[in-house]
Amino acid sequence: MKTLRLHGTHDLRLHEESAPVPENGEVLLRVTAVGICGSDLHWFEEGSIGDARLDHPLVLGHEFAAVIESGPRRGERVAVDPALPCWRCEFCETGYPNFCRATRFCGHGKDDGSLREYMAWPERALFALPDSVSDVDGALLEPLGVALYAIDLGQIRLGDSVGIFGCGPIGLMMLQLARLNGARQIIATDLRPHRLAVAEQMGADVALLADAAGGERAGVLAATNGRGVDVAFEIAGANAAVETAIETARPGARVVLVGIPSDDRTSFSASMARRKGLTIQLCRRMAHTYPRAIALAESGQIDLTRLASHRFPLDGYQQAFATAAAREGLKVVIEP
């Protein structure tokens, strides 16, 4: 089978390898669609993510859908949870498996990901896809889960004003979710005009072009009559966006940081955050979101299809990663 491995920064190589043999509790999967995530780009461009470092040729890819190829569920189309917590520790037992310190994660550390034709993965982490949800949409259920978890952390109330700072795929999912949660006003910012255009199409009331100097902040405050937003979500992974979220949040607001910074550092004006009494929450992956994500996709309440702007075969990986790294379009999907 074809397998794509990252050997170093910008060094992806396609290998011919044997198909894996499922172990106890696992099934063989034929991978059908894989989304390239921002965290995959950290690995590709920097050889690391946070404090994790590339120390062996790693198969990337944790947003994916597949078809089961072994066992009684053979032929079933599934979305796959890439996280395998221990289910025995304090965090797992109290409902926070995303904090489990023993978690194995697909495409991270020692666990190879899904950018290959076949892989083995525990059956308990597989979720059946309805006929109305395509394989590509199924791959986007993982980032939708992250968006759902972040929205939960934000605790949007009916009639709130919401800021979405970063309109990549997760930001655009959060925009749609914010509206479903009763947001009265949604203000979206991004560095890229084509993403802002989609944000407007998906319901943003105000779309502002951002810049490294935070020039969009005056526009956010003007749109809220100087009051600031009730809930701010930063999904850009850049300190400029964090500063914008802090500066444009009203006193007493919630600020949820979802983006992953390249240098593993986040900074903002402490005096401003303190004077406003802001609640600052960081988002760690997701927890118990797949059934909700599937229901939202099946009902059509969330548009995932429009987010998949580019699709490539596995042997088109060079163009796929170049497209994703250039932040062209929205979500780049590889279909092994």
C-alpha atoms as a PDB file:
ATOM      1  CA  MET A   1       0.000   0.000   0.000  1.00  0.00           C
ATOM      2  CA  LYS A   2       1.044   3.632  -0.466  1.00  0.00           C
ATOM      3  CA  THR A   3       2.081   5.466   2.708  1.00  0.00           C
ATOM      4  CA  LEU A   4       3.127   9.110   3.019  1.00  0.00           C
ATOM      5  CA  ARG A   5       5.778   9.816   5.679  1.00  0.00           C
ATOM      6  CA  LEU A   6       7.278  13.077   6.918  1.00  0.00           C
ATOM      7  CA  HIS A   7      11.068  12.670   7.289  1.00  0.00           C
ATOM      8  CA  GLY A   8      11.871  16.302   8.133  1.00  0.00           C
ATOM      9  CA  THR A   9      10.654  19.822   7.475  1.00  0.00           C
ATOM     10  CA  HIS A  10       9.156  19.986   3.961  1.00  0.00           C
ATOM     11  CA  ASP A  11      10.403  16.414   3.383  1.00  0.00           C
ATOM     12  CA  LEU A  12       7.442  14.166   2.569  1.00  0.00           C
ATOM     13  CA  ARG A  13       8.095  10.847   0.851  1.00  0.00           C
ATOM     14  CA  LEU A  14       5.706   8.283  -0.570  1.00  0.00           C
ATOM     15  CA  HIS A  15       6.575   4.706   0.466  1.00  0.00           C
ATOM     16  CA  GLU A  16       5.312   1.277  -0.509  1.00  0.00           C
ATOM     17  CA  GLU A  17       4.536  -0.649   2.685  1.00  0.00           C
ATOM     18  CA  SER A  18       2.633  -3.721   3.777  1.00  0.00           C
ATOM     19  CA  ALA A  19      -0.930  -3.280   4.964  1.00  0.00           C
ATOM     20  CA  PRO A  20      -1.183  -3.403   8.773  1.00  0.00           C
ATOM     21  CA  VAL A  21      -2.634  -6.379  10.633  1.00  0.00           C
ATOM     22  CA  PRO A  22      -5.306  -5.353  13.175  1.00  0.00           C
ATOM     23  CA  GLU A  23      -4.619  -6.198  16.793  1.00  0.00           C
ATOM     24  CA  ASN A  24      -7.186  -7.123  19.443  1.00  0.00           C
ATOM     25  CA  GLY A  25     -10.037  -4.614  19.399  1.00  0.00           C
ATOM     26  CA  GLU A  26      -8.915  -3.089  16.098  1.00  0.00           C
ATOM     27  CA  VAL A  27     -10.260  -3.289  12.560  1.00  0.00           C
ATOM     28  CA  LEU A  28      -8.634  -2.675   9.210  1.00  0.00           C
ATOM     29  CA  LEU A  29      -9.644   0.611   7.606  1.00  0.00           C
ATOM     30  CA  ARG A  30      -9.455   1.721   3.986  1.00  0.00           C
ATOM     31  CA  VAL A  31      -8.873   5.456   4.235  1.00  0.00           C
ATOM     32  CA  THR A  32     -11.106   7.480   1.897  1.00  0.00           C
ATOM     33  CA  ALA A  33     -10.567  11.157   2.810  1.00  0.00           C
ATOM     34  CA  VAL A  34      -8.048  13.062   4.950  1.00  0.00           C
ATOM     35  CA  GLY A  35      -8.152  16.765   5.767  1.00  0.00           C
ATOM     36  CA  ILE A  36      -4.850  18.622   6.135  1.00  0.00           C
ATOM     37  CA  CYS A  37      -5.031  20.392   9.482  1.00  0.00           C
ATOM     38  CA  GLY A  38      -3.126  23.395  10.756  1.00  0.00           C
ATOM     39  CA  SER A  39      -1.324  21.082  13.164  1.00  0.00           C
ATOM     40  CA  ASP A  40      -0.196  18.941  10.207  1.00  0.00           C
ATOM     41  CA  LEU A  41       1.285  22.114   8.738  1.00  0.00           C
ATOM     42  CA  HIS A  42       3.185  22.766  11.970  1.00  0.00           C
ATOM     43  CA  TRP A  43       4.774  19.328  11.592  1.00  0.00           C
ATOM     44  CA  PHE A  44       5.442  19.911   7.892  1.00  0.00           C
ATOM     45  CA  GLU A  45       6.859  23.432   8.194  1.00  0.00           C
ATOM     46  CA  GLU A  46       8.560  23.271  11.603  1.00  0.00           C
ATOM     47  CA  GLY A  47       9.110  19.582  12.365  1.00  0.00           C
ATOM     48  CA  SER A  48       7.277  20.049  15.646  1.00  0.00           C
ATOM     49  CA  ILE A  49       4.078  21.136  17.311  1.00  0.00           C
ATOM     50  CA  GLY A  50       4.251  22.682  20.759  1.00  0.00           C
ATOM     51  CA  ASP A  51       6.855  20.728  22.717  1.00  0.00           C
ATOM     52  CA  ALA A  52       6.556  17.602  20.547  1.00  0.00           C
ATOM     53  CA  ARG A  53       9.407  17.043  18.077  1.00  0.00           C
ATOM     54  CA  LEU A  54       9.680  14.883  14.970  1.00  0.00           C
ATOM     55  CA  ASP A  55      12.069  12.048  15.846  1.00  0.00           C
ATOM     56  CA  HIS A  56      11.184   9.442  13.203  1.00  0.00           C
ATOM     57  CA  PRO A  57       9.443   9.343   9.793  1.00  0.00           C
ATOM     58  CA  LEU A  58       5.842  10.039  10.766  1.00  0.00           C
ATOM     59  CA  VAL A  59       2.576   9.508   8.894  1.00  0.00           C
ATOM     60  CA  LEU A  60       0.500  12.662   9.363  1.00  0.00           C
ATOM     61  CA  GLY A  61      -3.270  13.006   9.185  1.00  0.00           C
ATOM     62  CA  HIS A  62      -5.892  12.904  11.942  1.00  0.00           C
ATOM     63  CA  GLU A  63      -8.991  14.303  10.212  1.00  0.00           C
ATOM     64  CA  PHE A  64     -10.343  11.383   8.216  1.00  0.00           C
ATOM     65  CA  ALA A  65     -13.083   9.081   7.086  1.00  0.00           C
ATOM     66  CA  ALA A  66     -12.707   5.447   6.099  1.00  0.00           C
ATOM     67  CA  VAL A  67     -14.434   2.181   5.192  1.00  0.00           C
ATOM     68  CA  ILE A  68     -14.137  -0.794   7.542  1.00  0.00           C
ATOM     69  CA  GLU A  69     -12.446  -3.692   5.743  1.00  0.00           C
ATOM     70  CA  SER A  70     -12.542  -6.428   8.416  1.00  0.00           C
ATOM     71  CA  GLY A  71     -14.904  -7.878  11.002  1.00  0.00           C
ATOM     72  CA  PRO A  72     -18.714  -7.856  11.205  1.00  0.00           C
ATOM     73  CA  ARG A  73     -18.929  -4.163  10.278  1.00  0.00           C
ATOM     74  CA  ARG A  74     -17.041  -4.660   7.027  1.00  0.00           C
ATOM     75  CA  GLY A  75     -18.166  -2.221   4.332  1.00  0.00           C
ATOM     76  CA  GLU A  76     -19.422   0.395   6.803  1.00  0.00           C
ATOM     77  CA  ARG A  77     -18.401   4.011   6.184  1.00  0.00           C
ATOM     78  CA  VAL A  78     -17.112   5.696   9.331  1.00  0.00           C
ATOM     79  CA  ALA A  79     -15.667   8.867  10.772  1.00  0.00           C
ATOM     80  CA  VAL A  80     -12.704   8.196  13.029  1.00  0.00           C
ATOM     81  CA  ASP A  81     -11.841   9.730  16.378  1.00  0.00           C
ATOM     82  CA  PRO A  82      -8.056  10.179  16.255  1.00  0.00           C
ATOM     83  CA  ALA A  83      -7.673  10.346  20.055  1.00  0.00           C
ATOM     84  CA  LEU A  84      -7.325   7.194  22.155  1.00  0.00           C
ATOM     85  CA  PRO A  85      -7.454   8.103  25.860  1.00  0.00           C
ATOM     86  CA  CYS A  86      -6.823   5.478  28.538  1.00  0.00           C
ATOM     87  CA  TRP A  87     -10.418   5.655  29.911  1.00  0.00           C
ATOM     88  CA  ARG A  88      -9.061   4.794  33.387  1.00  0.00           C
ATOM     89  CA  CYS A  89      -7.482   7.979  34.737  1.00  0.00           C
ATOM     90  CA  GLU A  90      -9.106  10.743  36.788  1.00  0.00           C
ATOM     91  CA  PHE A  91      -9.719  12.925  33.732  1.00  0.00           C
ATOM     92  CA  CYS A  92     -11.262  10.157  31.652  1.00  0.00           C
ATOM     93  CA  GLU A  93     -13.502   9.067  34.508  1.00  0.00           C
ATOM     94  CA  THR A  94     -14.735  12.615  35.171  1.00  0.00           C
ATOM     95  CA  GLY A  95     -15.652  13.322  31.531  1.00  0.00           C
ATOM     96  CA  TYR A  96     -12.497  15.033  30.286  1.00  0.00           C
ATOM     97  CA  PRO A  97     -10.713  12.457  28.093  1.00  0.00           C
ATOM     98  CA  ASN A  98      -9.100  15.322  26.143  1.00  0.00           C
ATOM     99  CA  PHE A  99      -6.932  15.963  29.228  1.00  0.00           C
ATOM    100  CA  CYS A 100      -5.799  12.325  29.547  1.00  0.00           C
ATOM    101  CA  ARG A 101      -2.009  12.277  29.840  1.00  0.00           C
ATOM    102  CA  ALA A 102      -1.786   8.791  28.366  1.00  0.00           C
ATOM    103  CA  THR A 103      -3.698   9.642  25.170  1.00  0.00           C
ATOM    104  CA  ARG A 104      -2.449   8.193  21.900  1.00  0.00           C
ATOM    105  CA  PHE A 105      -3.220  10.483  18.976  1.00  0.00           C
ATOM    106  CA  CYS A 106      -3.280   9.622  15.307  1.00  0.00           C
ATOM    107  CA  GLY A 107      -0.424  11.331  13.425  1.00  0.00           C
ATOM    108  CA  HIS A 108       1.333  12.517  16.582  1.00  0.00           C
ATOM    109  CA  GLY A 109       4.259  11.120  18.550  1.00  0.00           C
ATOM    110  CA  LYS A 110       4.663   7.385  17.976  1.00  0.00           C
ATOM    111  CA  ASP A 111       1.261   6.839  16.372  1.00  0.00           C
ATOM    112  CA  ASP A 112       1.139   7.052  12.587  1.00  0.00           C
ATOM    113  CA  GLY A 113      -1.748   8.927  11.040  1.00  0.00           C
ATOM    114  CA  SER A 114      -4.097   8.390   8.135  1.00  0.00           C
ATOM    115  CA  LEU A 115      -2.187   9.602   5.060  1.00  0.00           C
ATOM    116  CA  ARG A 116      -1.962   6.060   3.710  1.00  0.00           C
ATOM    117  CA  GLU A 117      -4.264   3.661   1.938  1.00  0.00           C
ATOM    118  CA  TYR A 118      -4.935   1.312   4.872  1.00  0.00           C
ATOM    119  CA  MET A 119      -4.545   1.492   8.630  1.00  0.00           C
ATOM    120  CA  ALA A 120      -5.655  -0.360  11.755  1.00  0.00           C
ATOM    121  CA  TRP A 121      -7.531   1.521  14.473  1.00  0.00           C
ATOM    122  CA  PRO A 122      -9.664   0.549  17.513  1.00  0.00           C
ATOM    123  CA  GLU A 123     -13.282  -0.129  16.627  1.00  0.00           C
ATOM    124  CA  ARG A 124     -14.489   1.832  19.665  1.00  0.00           C
ATOM    125  CA  ALA A 125     -13.204   5.040  18.009  1.00  0.00           C
ATOM    126  CA  LEU A 126     -15.322   4.601  14.855  1.00  0.00           C
ATOM    127  CA  PHE A 127     -18.620   6.395  14.219  1.00  0.00           C
ATOM    128  CA  ALA A 128     -21.007   5.323  11.470  1.00  0.00           C
ATOM    129  CA  LEU A 129     -21.600   7.908   8.741  1.00  0.00           C
ATOM    130  CA  PRO A 130     -25.166   8.468   7.502  1.00  0.00           C
ATOM    131  CA  ASP A 131     -25.697   8.114   3.751  1.00  0.00           C
ATOM    132  CA  SER A 132     -26.252  11.861   3.469  1.00  0.00           C
ATOM    133  CA  VAL A 133     -22.762  12.663   4.837  1.00  0.00           C
ATOM    134  CA  SER A 134     -20.015  12.219   2.252  1.00  0.00           C
ATOM    135  CA  ASP A 135     -16.567  10.835   2.982  1.00  0.00           C
ATOM    136  CA  VAL A 136     -15.062  14.316   2.603  1.00  0.00           C
ATOM    137  CA  ASP A 137     -17.629  15.765   5.007  1.00  0.00           C
ATOM    138  CA  GLY A 138     -16.888  12.837   7.318  1.00  0.00           C
ATOM    139  CA  ALA A 139     -13.231  13.856   7.429  1.00  0.00           C
ATOM    140  CA  LEU A 140     -14.292  17.341   8.516  1.00  0.00           C
ATOM    141  CA  LEU A 141     -16.198  16.026  11.531  1.00  0.00           C
ATOM    142  CA  GLU A 142     -12.990  16.062  13.593  1.00  0.00           C
ATOM    143  CA  PRO A 143     -12.408  19.828  13.198  1.00  0.00           C
ATOM    144  CA  LEU A 144     -16.152  20.340  13.661  1.00  0.00           C
ATOM    145  CA  GLY A 145     -15.756  18.553  17.002  1.00  0.00           C
ATOM    146  CA  VAL A 146     -13.036  21.019  17.980  1.00  0.00           C
ATOM    147  CA  ALA A 147     -15.315  23.896  16.958  1.00  0.00           C
ATOM    148  CA  LEU A 148     -18.178  22.458  19.024  1.00  0.00           C
ATOM    149  CA  TYR A 149     -15.976  22.084  22.085  1.00  0.00           C
ATOM    150  CA  ALA A 150     -14.701  25.657  21.725  1.00  0.00           C
ATOM    151  CA  ILE A 151     -18.257  26.980  21.359  1.00  0.00           C
ATOM    152  CA  ASP A 152     -19.208  25.112  24.540  1.00  0.00           C
ATOM    153  CA  LEU A 153     -16.319  26.803  26.354  1.00  0.00           C
ATOM    154  CA  GLY A 154     -17.522  30.203  25.129  1.00  0.00           C
ATOM    155  CA  GLN A 155     -20.965  29.820  26.759  1.00  0.00           C
ATOM    156  CA  ILE A 156     -22.749  32.025  24.215  1.00  0.00           C
ATOM    157  CA  ARG A 157     -26.047  33.427  25.477  1.00  0.00           C
ATOM    158  CA  LEU A 158     -29.048  34.351  23.353  1.00  0.00           C
ATOM    159  CA  GLY A 159     -28.489  37.825  21.936  1.00  0.00           C
ATOM    160  CA  ASP A 160     -24.729  37.920  22.488  1.00  0.00           C
ATOM    161  CA  SER A 161     -22.264  39.674  20.213  1.00  0.00           C
ATOM    162  CA  VAL A 162     -19.534  37.247  19.118  1.00  0.00           C
ATOM    163  CA  GLY A 163     -16.107  37.874  17.601  1.00  0.00           C
ATOM    164  CA  ILE A 164     -14.496  35.216  15.362  1.00  0.00           C
ATOM    165  CA  PHE A 165     -10.821  36.112  14.945  1.00  0.00           C
ATOM    166  CA  GLY A 166      -9.539  33.813  12.211  1.00  0.00           C
ATOM    167  CA  CYS A 167     -11.735  32.414   9.424  1.00  0.00           C
ATOM    168  CA  GLY A 168     -10.027  29.190   8.466  1.00  0.00           C
ATOM    169  CA  PRO A 169     -12.196  26.053   8.383  1.00  0.00           C
ATOM    170  CA  ILE A 170     -12.613  25.824  12.181  1.00  0.00           C
ATOM    171  CA  GLY A 171     -13.368  29.535  12.437  1.00  0.00           C
ATOM    172  CA  LEU A 172     -16.030  29.221   9.738  1.00  0.00           C
ATOM    173  CA  MET A 173     -17.533  26.226  11.529  1.00  0.00           C
ATOM    174  CA  MET A 174     -17.611  28.236  14.758  1.00  0.00           C
ATOM    175  CA  LEU A 175     -19.295  31.101  12.959  1.00  0.00           C
ATOM    176  CA  GLN A 176     -22.126  28.810  11.933  1.00  0.00           C
ATOM    177  CA  LEU A 177     -22.337  27.291  15.412  1.00  0.00           C
ATOM    178  CA  ALA A 178     -22.411  30.712  17.052  1.00  0.00           C
ATOM    179  CA  ARG A 179     -25.486  31.593  14.996  1.00  0.00           C
ATOM    180  CA  LEU A 180     -27.146  28.300  15.967  1.00  0.00           C
ATOM    181  CA  ASN A 181     -26.375  29.114  19.613  1.00  0.00           C
ATOM    182  CA  GLY A 182     -28.312  32.369  19.397  1.00  0.00           C
ATOM    183  CA  ALA A 183     -25.658  34.992  18.706  1.00  0.00           C
ATOM    184  CA  ARG A 184     -27.268  38.296  17.726  1.00  0.00           C
ATOM    185  CA  GLN A 185     -24.201  39.746  16.023  1.00  0.00           C
ATOM    186  CA  ILE A 186     -21.168  37.940  14.578  1.00  0.00           C
ATOM    187  CA  ILE A 187     -18.033  39.866  13.668  1.00  0.00           C
ATOM    188  CA  ALA A 188     -15.382  37.980  11.687  1.00  0.00           C
ATOM    189  CA  THR A 189     -11.793  38.957  10.901  1.00  0.00           C
ATOM    190  CA  ASP A 190      -9.046  37.377   8.834  1.00  0.00           C
ATOM    191  CA  LEU A 191      -5.904  38.292   6.914  1.00  0.00           C
ATOM    192  CA  ARG A 192      -7.232  36.783   3.681  1.00  0.00           C
ATOM    193  CA  PRO A 193     -10.069  38.376   1.680  1.00  0.00           C
ATOM    194  CA  HIS A 194     -11.279  35.081   0.176  1.00  0.00           C
ATOM    195  CA  ARG A 195     -11.910  33.684   3.659  1.00  0.00           C
ATOM    196  CA  LEU A 196     -13.797  36.797   4.702  1.00  0.00           C
ATOM    197  CA  ALA A 197     -15.972  36.449   1.603  1.00  0.00           C
ATOM    198  CA  VAL A 198     -16.979  32.956   2.725  1.00  0.00           C
ATOM    199  CA  ALA A 199     -17.551  34.230   6.270  1.00  0.00           C
ATOM    200  CA  GLU A 200     -20.045  36.748   4.899  1.00  0.00           C
ATOM    201  CA  GLN A 201     -21.759  34.042   2.858  1.00  0.00           C
ATOM    202  CA  MET A 202     -22.021  31.913   6.005  1.00  0.00           C
ATOM    203  CA  GLY A 203     -23.701  34.649   8.011  1.00  0.00           C
ATOM    204  CA  ALA A 204     -21.128  37.055   9.452  1.00  0.00           C
ATOM    205  CA  ASP A 205     -22.784  40.409  10.089  1.00  0.00           C
ATOM    206  CA  VAL A 206     -19.466  42.251   9.868  1.00  0.00           C
ATOM    207  CA  ALA A 207     -16.324  41.001   8.067  1.00  0.00           C
ATOM    208  CA  LEU A 208     -13.108  42.942   8.620  1.00  0.00           C
ATOM    209  CA  LEU A 209      -9.742  42.484   6.945  1.00  0.00           C
ATOM    210  CA  ALA A 210      -7.086  42.040   9.627  1.00  0.00           C
ATOM    211  CA  ASP A 211      -3.451  43.103   9.550  1.00  0.00           C
ATOM    212  CA  ALA A 212      -0.385  42.452  11.681  1.00  0.00           C
ATOM    213  CA  ALA A 213      -0.800  45.803  13.427  1.00  0.00           C
ATOM    214  CA  GLY A 214      -4.362  45.134  14.567  1.00  0.00           C
ATOM    215  CA  GLY A 215      -5.934  47.733  12.300  1.00  0.00           C
ATOM    216  CA  GLU A 216      -9.241  45.862  12.405  1.00  0.00           C
ATOM    217  CA  ARG A 217      -9.747  46.549  16.135  1.00  0.00           C
ATOM    218  CA  ALA A 218     -11.331  49.958  15.589  1.00  0.00           C
ATOM    219  CA  GLY A 219     -13.827  48.336  13.223  1.00  0.00           C
ATOM    220  CA  VAL A 220     -14.811  45.706  15.783  1.00  0.00           C
ATOM    221  CA  LEU A 221     -15.372  48.346  18.457  1.00  0.00           C
ATOM    222  CA  ALA A 222     -17.291  50.552  16.049  1.00  0.00           C
ATOM    223  CA  ALA A 223     -19.565  47.634  15.109  1.00  0.00           C
ATOM    224  CA  THR A 224     -20.399  47.143  18.805  1.00  0.00           C
ATOM    225  CA  ASN A 225     -20.846  50.879  19.513  1.00  0.00           C
ATOM    226  CA  GLY A 226     -17.643  50.865  21.548  1.00  0.00           C
ATOM    227  CA  ARG A 227     -18.892  48.203  23.951  1.00  0.00           C
ATOM    228  CA  GLY A 228     -16.933  45.233  22.633  1.00  0.00           C
ATOM    229  CA  VAL A 229     -18.013  41.652  21.978  1.00  0.00           C
ATOM    230  CA  ASP A 230     -19.551  39.435  24.649  1.00  0.00           C
ATOM    231  CA  VAL A 231     -17.579  36.354  23.577  1.00  0.00           C
ATOM    232  CA  ALA A 232     -14.333  36.339  21.581  1.00  0.00           C
ATOM    233  CA  PHE A 233     -12.898  33.291  19.820  1.00  0.00           C
ATOM    234  CA  GLU A 234      -9.292  33.400  18.567  1.00  0.00           C
ATOM    235  CA  ILE A 235      -8.632  30.727  15.945  1.00  0.00           C
ATOM    236  CA  ALA A 236      -5.710  32.247  14.038  1.00  0.00           C
ATOM    237  CA  GLY A 237      -2.768  30.984  16.096  1.00  0.00           C
ATOM    238  CA  ALA A 238      -1.190  34.457  16.020  1.00  0.00           C
ATOM    239  CA  ASN A 239      -0.540  36.868  18.864  1.00  0.00           C
ATOM    240  CA  ALA A 240      -1.949  39.758  16.829  1.00  0.00           C
ATOM    241  CA  ALA A 241      -5.307  37.959  16.805  1.00  0.00           C
ATOM    242  CA  VAL A 242      -5.051  37.238  20.535  1.00  0.00           C
ATOM    243  CA  GLU A 243      -4.377  40.927  21.213  1.00  0.00           C
ATOM    244  CA  THR A 244      -7.348  41.866  19.033  1.00  0.00           C
ATOM    245  CA  ALA A 245      -9.615  39.481  20.932  1.00  0.00           C
ATOM    246  CA  ILE A 246      -8.460  40.908  24.289  1.00  0.00           C
ATOM    247  CA  GLU A 247      -8.770  44.538  23.171  1.00  0.00           C
ATOM    248  CA  THR A 248     -12.212  44.174  21.605  1.00  0.00           C
ATOM    249  CA  ALA A 249     -13.815  42.028  24.322  1.00  0.00           C
ATOM    250  CA  ARG A 250     -16.148  43.896  26.649  1.00  0.00           C
ATOM    251  CA  PRO A 251     -15.457  43.982  30.415  1.00  0.00           C
ATOM    252  CA  GLY A 252     -16.419  40.634  31.938  1.00  0.00           C
ATOM    253  CA  ALA A 253     -16.343  38.834  28.564  1.00  0.00           C
ATOM    254  CA  ARG A 254     -15.096  35.337  27.804  1.00  0.00           C
ATOM    255  CA  VAL A 255     -12.124  34.890  25.468  1.00  0.00           C
ATOM    256  CA  VAL A 256     -11.488  31.406  24.083  1.00  0.00           C
ATOM    257  CA  LEU A 257      -8.069  30.706  22.536  1.00  0.00           C
ATOM    258  CA  VAL A 258      -8.231  27.913  19.957  1.00  0.00           C
ATOM    259  CA  GLY A 259      -5.292  28.693  17.627  1.00  0.00           C
ATOM    260  CA  ILE A 260      -1.884  27.015  17.994  1.00  0.00           C
ATOM    261  CA  PRO A 261       1.007  29.529  17.805  1.00  0.00           C
ATOM    262  CA  SER A 262       4.076  28.511  15.794  1.00  0.00           C
ATOM    263  CA  ASP A 263       6.526  29.556  18.509  1.00  0.00           C
ATOM    264  CA  ASP A 264       4.530  27.898  21.325  1.00  0.00           C
ATOM    265  CA  ARG A 265       4.025  31.292  22.995  1.00  0.00           C
ATOM    266  CA  THR A 266       0.896  33.380  23.542  1.00  0.00           C
ATOM    267  CA  SER A 267       1.073  36.960  24.803  1.00  0.00           C
ATOM    268  CA  PHE A 268      -1.331  39.844  25.380  1.00  0.00           C
ATOM    269  CA  SER A 269      -1.692  42.998  27.431  1.00  0.00           C
ATOM    270  CA  ALA A 270      -2.086  41.748  30.988  1.00  0.00           C
ATOM    271  CA  SER A 271      -3.239  45.121  32.303  1.00  0.00           C
ATOM    272  CA  MET A 272      -6.087  45.320  29.794  1.00  0.00           C
ATOM    273  CA  ALA A 273      -7.221  41.742  30.444  1.00  0.00           C
ATOM    274  CA  ARG A 274      -7.021  42.329  34.212  1.00  0.00           C
ATOM    275  CA  ARG A 275      -8.909  45.624  34.184  1.00  0.00           C
ATOM    276  CA  LYS A 276     -11.665  44.051  32.129  1.00  0.00           C
ATOM    277  CA  GLY A 277     -11.814  40.992  34.382  1.00  0.00           C
ATOM    278  CA  LEU A 278     -11.792  38.710  31.349  1.00  0.00           C
ATOM    279  CA  THR A 279     -12.254  34.964  31.588  1.00  0.00           C
ATOM    280  CA  ILE A 280      -9.616  33.423  29.317  1.00  0.00           C
ATOM    281  CA  GLN A 281     -10.153  29.802  28.315  1.00  0.00           C
ATOM    282  CA  LEU A 282      -7.835  27.607  26.244  1.00  0.00           C
ATOM    283  CA  CYS A 283      -9.264  24.894  24.012  1.00  0.00           C
ATOM    284  CA  ARG A 284      -7.678  21.418  24.158  1.00  0.00           C
ATOM    285  CA  ARG A 285      -8.903  19.303  21.222  1.00  0.00           C
ATOM    286  CA  MET A 286     -12.437  18.072  21.986  1.00  0.00           C
ATOM    287  CA  ALA A 287     -14.452  15.693  24.149  1.00  0.00           C
ATOM    288  CA  HIS A 288     -17.588  13.646  23.398  1.00  0.00           C
ATOM    289  CA  THR A 289     -18.501  15.658  20.299  1.00  0.00           C
ATOM    290  CA  TYR A 290     -18.748  13.118  17.442  1.00  0.00           C
ATOM    291  CA  PRO A 291     -22.452  12.214  17.845  1.00  0.00           C
ATOM    292  CA  ARG A 292     -23.384  15.915  17.921  1.00  0.00           C
ATOM    293  CA  ALA A 293     -21.140  16.726  14.965  1.00  0.00           C
ATOM    294  CA  ILE A 294     -22.640  13.910  12.887  1.00  0.00           C
ATOM    295  CA  ALA A 295     -26.190  15.015  13.763  1.00  0.00           C
ATOM    296  CA  LEU A 296     -25.438  18.604  12.713  1.00  0.00           C
ATOM    297  CA  ALA A 297     -23.902  17.491   9.418  1.00  0.00           C
ATOM    298  CA  GLU A 298     -26.751  15.065   8.687  1.00  0.00           C
ATOM    299  CA  SER A 299     -29.405  17.699   9.374  1.00  0.00           C
ATOM    300  CA  GLY A 300     -27.693  20.247   7.140  1.00  0.00           C
ATOM    301  CA  GLN A 301     -27.504  22.797   9.952  1.00  0.00           C
ATOM    302  CA  ILE A 302     -23.750  23.032   9.401  1.00  0.00           C
ATOM    303  CA  ASP A 303     -22.320  23.372   5.890  1.00  0.00           C
ATOM    304  CA  LEU A 304     -19.130  21.304   5.665  1.00  0.00           C
ATOM    305  CA  THR A 305     -19.132  20.695   1.914  1.00  0.00           C
ATOM    306  CA  ARG A 306     -18.326  24.313   1.044  1.00  0.00           C
ATOM    307  CA  LEU A 307     -15.233  24.200   3.257  1.00  0.00           C
ATOM    308  CA  ALA A 308     -13.474  21.489   1.214  1.00  0.00           C
ATOM    309  CA  SER A 309     -11.989  23.782  -1.428  1.00  0.00           C
ATOM    310  CA  HIS A 310      -9.236  21.491  -2.791  1.00  0.00           C
ATOM    311  CA  ARG A 311      -9.085  17.714  -3.302  1.00  0.00           C
ATOM    312  CA  PHE A 312      -6.037  15.660  -4.320  1.00  0.00           C
ATOM    313  CA  PRO A 313      -5.108  11.985  -4.681  1.00  0.00           C
ATOM    314  CA  LEU A 314      -2.413  10.635  -2.356  1.00  0.00           C
ATOM    315  CA  ASP A 315       0.285  10.896  -5.023  1.00  0.00           C
ATOM    316  CA  GLY A 316      -0.606  14.578  -5.392  1.00  0.00           C
ATOM    317  CA  TYR A 317       0.658  15.225  -1.866  1.00  0.00           C
ATOM    318  CA  GLN A 318       3.267  17.797  -2.895  1.00  0.00           C
ATOM    319  CA  GLN A 319       0.698  20.089  -4.469  1.00  0.00           C
ATOM    320  CA  ALA A 320      -1.748  19.393  -1.650  1.00  0.00           C
ATOM    321  CA  PHE A 321       0.685  20.482   1.077  1.00  0.00           C
ATOM    322  CA  ALA A 322       1.911  23.438  -0.978  1.00  0.00           C
ATOM    323  CA  THR A 323      -1.691  24.592  -1.377  1.00  0.00           C
ATOM    324  CA  ALA A 324      -2.433  24.163   2.330  1.00  0.00           C
ATOM    325  CA  ALA A 325       0.821  25.871   3.392  1.00  0.00           C
ATOM    326  CA  ALA A 326       0.014  28.861   1.177  1.00  0.00           C
ATOM    327  CA  ARG A 327      -3.405  29.078   2.880  1.00  0.00           C
ATOM    328  CA  GLU A 328      -5.113  28.972  -0.488  1.00  0.00           C
ATOM    329  CA  GLY A 329      -8.800  28.220  -0.376  1.00  0.00           C
ATOM    330  CA  LEU A 330     -10.068  26.657   2.838  1.00  0.00           C
ATOM    331  CA  LYS A 331      -9.706  22.943   3.609  1.00  0.00           C
ATOM    332  CA  VAL A 332      -7.362  20.799   1.506  1.00  0.00           C
ATOM    333  CA  VAL A 333      -8.411  17.148   1.373  1.00  0.00           C
ATOM    334  CA  ILE A 334      -6.375  14.155   0.229  1.00  0.00           C
ATOM    335  CA  GLU A 335      -8.300  11.093  -0.960  1.00  0.00           C
ATOM    336  CA  PRO A 336      -6.068   8.006  -0.733  1.00  0.00           C
END
